[in-house]
Protein backbone atom coordinates (compact mmCIF):
# COMPACT_ATOMS: atom_id res chain seq x y z
CA UNK A 1 0.93 -2.11 24.09
CA UNK A 2 -0.04 -5.77 23.15
CA UNK A 3 -2.53 -4.34 20.09
CA UNK A 4 0.58 -1.82 19.08
CA UNK A 5 2.90 -4.88 18.60
CA UNK A 6 0.32 -6.70 16.38
CA UNK A 7 -0.42 -3.48 14.16
CA UNK A 8 3.21 -3.53 13.49
CA UNK A 9 3.21 -6.77 12.62
CA UNK A 10 0.43 -6.11 10.31
CA UNK A 11 2.31 -3.41 8.43
CA UNK A 12 5.22 -6.16 7.75
CA UNK A 13 2.85 -9.07 6.39
CA UNK A 14 2.68 -7.85 2.68
CA UNK A 15 6.42 -7.05 2.34
CA UNK A 16 7.72 -10.18 4.10
CA UNK A 17 5.50 -12.33 1.82
CA UNK A 18 7.01 -10.78 -1.36
CA UNK A 19 10.06 -13.05 -1.51
CA UNK A 20 13.01 -11.02 -3.17
CA UNK A 21 10.93 -7.87 -3.40
CA UNK A 22 12.73 -5.67 -1.13
CA UNK A 23 15.15 -5.40 1.77
CA UNK A 24 14.90 -5.32 5.53
CA UNK A 25 14.57 -1.55 5.34
CA UNK A 26 11.67 -1.94 3.19
CA UNK A 27 9.80 -3.96 5.60
CA UNK A 28 9.24 -0.83 7.72
CA UNK A 29 5.55 -0.18 7.03
CA UNK A 30 3.13 -1.35 4.57
CA UNK A 31 0.07 -0.40 6.27
CA UNK A 32 0.60 2.92 5.89
CA UNK A 33 1.27 2.15 2.32
CA UNK A 34 -1.94 0.66 1.92
CA UNK A 35 -3.79 3.78 2.87
CA UNK A 36 -5.64 6.12 0.38
CA UNK A 37 -3.19 7.42 -1.93
CA UNK A 38 -5.06 9.68 -4.50
CA UNK A 39 -7.96 12.26 -4.68
CA UNK A 40 -10.31 9.62 -6.22
CA UNK A 41 -12.54 6.69 -4.40
CA UNK A 42 -12.42 3.90 -7.05
CA UNK A 43 -10.10 2.05 -9.07
CA UNK A 44 -11.71 2.94 -12.21
CA UNK A 45 -11.44 6.40 -11.34
CA UNK A 46 -7.92 6.25 -10.17
CA UNK A 47 -6.07 8.32 -13.07
CA UNK A 48 -3.62 10.70 -11.85
CA UNK A 49 -1.71 11.49 -14.90
CA UNK A 50 -1.53 10.82 -18.72
CA UNK A 51 1.27 8.24 -17.99
CA UNK A 52 -0.45 4.78 -17.85
CA UNK A 53 2.66 3.67 -15.50
CA UNK A 54 1.80 6.18 -13.03
CA UNK A 55 -2.04 5.54 -13.25
CA UNK A 56 -1.21 1.78 -12.56
CA UNK A 57 0.43 2.93 -9.49
CA UNK A 58 -2.29 5.23 -8.56
CA UNK A 59 -4.93 2.40 -9.16
CA UNK A 60 -2.90 0.03 -7.06
CA UNK A 61 -3.11 2.57 -3.92
CA UNK A 62 -6.75 2.93 -4.42
CA UNK A 63 -7.26 -0.77 -4.31
CA UNK A 64 -5.15 -1.10 -1.33
CA UNK A 65 -7.03 1.93 0.37
CA UNK A 66 -10.36 0.14 -0.33
CA UNK A 67 -9.20 -3.06 1.17
CA UNK A 68 -7.69 -1.44 4.28
CA UNK A 69 -10.73 0.89 4.81
CA UNK A 70 -13.06 -2.16 4.77
CA UNK A 71 -10.90 -3.83 7.35
CA UNK A 72 -9.67 -6.39 4.78
CA UNK A 73 -13.04 -7.75 3.61
CA UNK A 74 -13.01 -6.13 0.17
CA UNK A 75 -10.22 -7.52 -1.74
CA UNK A 76 -11.95 -8.13 -5.52
CA UNK A 77 -10.50 -4.76 -6.68
CA UNK A 78 -6.96 -5.83 -5.86
CA UNK A 79 -6.63 -8.60 -8.58
CA UNK A 80 -6.69 -6.36 -11.44
CA UNK A 81 -4.14 -3.94 -10.30
CA UNK A 82 -1.34 -6.45 -9.26
CA UNK A 83 0.52 -9.60 -10.08
CA UNK A 84 -0.62 -12.86 -8.55
CA UNK A 85 2.11 -13.10 -6.19
CA UNK A 86 1.39 -9.44 -4.93
CA UNK A 87 -2.13 -10.44 -4.60
CA UNK A 88 -1.45 -13.19 -2.56
CA UNK A 89 0.69 -11.42 -0.29
CA UNK A 90 -2.02 -8.50 -0.01
CA UNK A 91 -4.54 -11.15 0.48
CA UNK A 92 -2.89 -12.17 3.60
CA UNK A 93 -2.70 -8.93 4.95
CA UNK A 94 -6.59 -8.43 4.44
CA UNK A 95 -6.74 -11.92 6.44
CA UNK A 96 -4.84 -10.42 9.40
CA UNK A 97 -7.04 -7.11 9.34
CA UNK A 98 -10.43 -9.16 9.40
CA UNK A 99 -8.89 -11.56 12.00
CA UNK A 100 -7.58 -8.62 14.17
CA UNK A 101 -10.63 -6.46 13.24
CA UNK A 102 -8.41 -3.78 12.21
CA UNK A 103 -9.24 -1.00 9.57
CA UNK A 104 -7.95 2.41 8.22
CA UNK A 105 -9.52 5.66 8.64
CA UNK A 106 -8.67 8.97 7.44
CA UNK A 107 -6.71 9.70 4.00
CA UNK A 108 -2.95 9.51 2.69
CA UNK A 109 -2.06 12.04 0.20
CA UNK A 110 0.40 11.42 -2.52
CA UNK A 111 2.81 14.39 -2.46
CA UNK A 112 4.64 13.14 -5.63
CA UNK A 113 5.16 10.32 -8.21
CA UNK A 114 7.36 9.77 -11.03
CA UNK A 115 8.36 6.62 -13.22
CA UNK A 116 12.09 5.64 -13.72
CA UNK A 117 13.70 2.98 -15.62
CA UNK A 118 15.77 0.27 -13.79
CA UNK A 119 17.68 -2.61 -14.47
CA UNK A 120 14.82 -4.79 -13.28
CA UNK A 121 12.01 -2.96 -15.16
CA UNK A 122 9.75 0.31 -14.95
CA UNK A 123 9.63 1.65 -11.38
CA UNK A 124 7.57 4.27 -9.87
CA UNK A 125 8.56 5.97 -6.89
CA UNK A 126 6.10 7.96 -4.79
CA UNK A 127 6.15 10.19 -1.75
CA UNK A 128 3.20 10.04 0.35
CA UNK A 129 1.92 11.66 3.81
CA UNK A 130 -0.12 9.72 6.46
CA UNK A 131 -0.59 12.09 9.00
CA UNK A 132 -4.38 12.44 8.54
CA UNK A 133 -4.70 8.28 8.42
CA UNK A 134 -4.85 5.93 11.30
CA UNK A 135 -5.15 2.12 11.70
CA UNK A 136 -7.73 1.41 14.32
CA UNK A 137 -9.16 -1.40 16.23
CA UNK A 138 -13.07 -2.26 16.46
CA UNK A 139 -13.31 0.37 19.29
CA UNK A 140 -11.85 3.05 16.91
CA UNK A 141 -8.58 3.57 18.95
CA UNK A 142 -5.44 3.92 17.06
CA UNK A 143 -3.16 1.08 17.03
CA UNK A 144 0.10 2.26 15.72
CA UNK A 145 2.66 3.85 17.97
CA UNK A 146 2.58 7.87 18.13
CA UNK A 147 6.21 7.46 16.55
CA UNK A 148 5.25 5.86 13.59
CA UNK A 149 6.51 8.26 10.68
CA UNK A 150 4.03 10.19 8.54
CA UNK A 151 5.95 10.46 5.35
CA UNK A 152 6.82 7.35 3.24
CA UNK A 153 8.69 6.59 0.04
CA UNK A 154 7.42 3.98 -2.19
CA UNK A 155 9.54 2.08 -4.98
CA UNK A 156 7.28 -0.02 -6.84
CA UNK A 157 7.88 -2.23 -9.69
CA UNK A 158 5.26 -1.86 -12.61
CA UNK A 159 5.04 -4.67 -15.25
CA UNK A 160 3.00 -4.87 -18.52
CA UNK A 161 0.91 -8.10 -18.39
CA UNK A 162 -1.61 -8.93 -21.17
CA UNK A 163 -1.71 -5.34 -22.27
CA UNK A 164 -2.18 -4.03 -18.77
CA UNK A 165 0.28 -2.17 -16.28
CA UNK A 166 -0.07 -3.52 -12.85
CA UNK A 167 2.21 -3.33 -9.48
CA UNK A 168 4.70 -6.47 -9.17
CA UNK A 169 6.08 -5.22 -5.54
CA UNK A 170 9.11 -3.21 -4.45
CA UNK A 171 9.47 -1.50 -1.07
CA UNK A 172 8.02 1.19 1.09
CA UNK A 173 10.23 3.06 3.45
CA UNK A 174 10.01 5.98 6.21
CA UNK A 175 11.50 9.12 4.46
CA UNK A 176 11.32 12.73 4.82
CA UNK A 177 10.79 13.29 0.98
């Protein structure tokens, strides 16, 4: 039970560190959000559409997956796909996974993703399923409660920085999307 509490805490770190990037409802689970989101395995191959904004989101999801599957050891691929503030928050999550010897296994499937305009910029809304993914400890045992939702809705801000679209933060909430 103690390890489950640690894993739940790990899911909160990225959102908690993104000051002003969401509400308490959006803090629900960043770890499932960090699992593989696309059919590709590298950031450079993370092209899911002809839309560069959506591709920025897919690249972000792949970079997070690489970090989570490595147990927080691989973070280099994160910098080009997110803002510095987001990178700092996700780096803290990577450190948490390294110190707790947690990692992700399996895959997450994006069911749909779409771009919308909001008062604070361009947003990507995406629904994904984590039923085939798990966060495990060093022994390979799952650390999240069986009651953890498997469908999630991302609402991520995408910014154009120096001619490149990057993720700036947002919220992830459980949803029947």
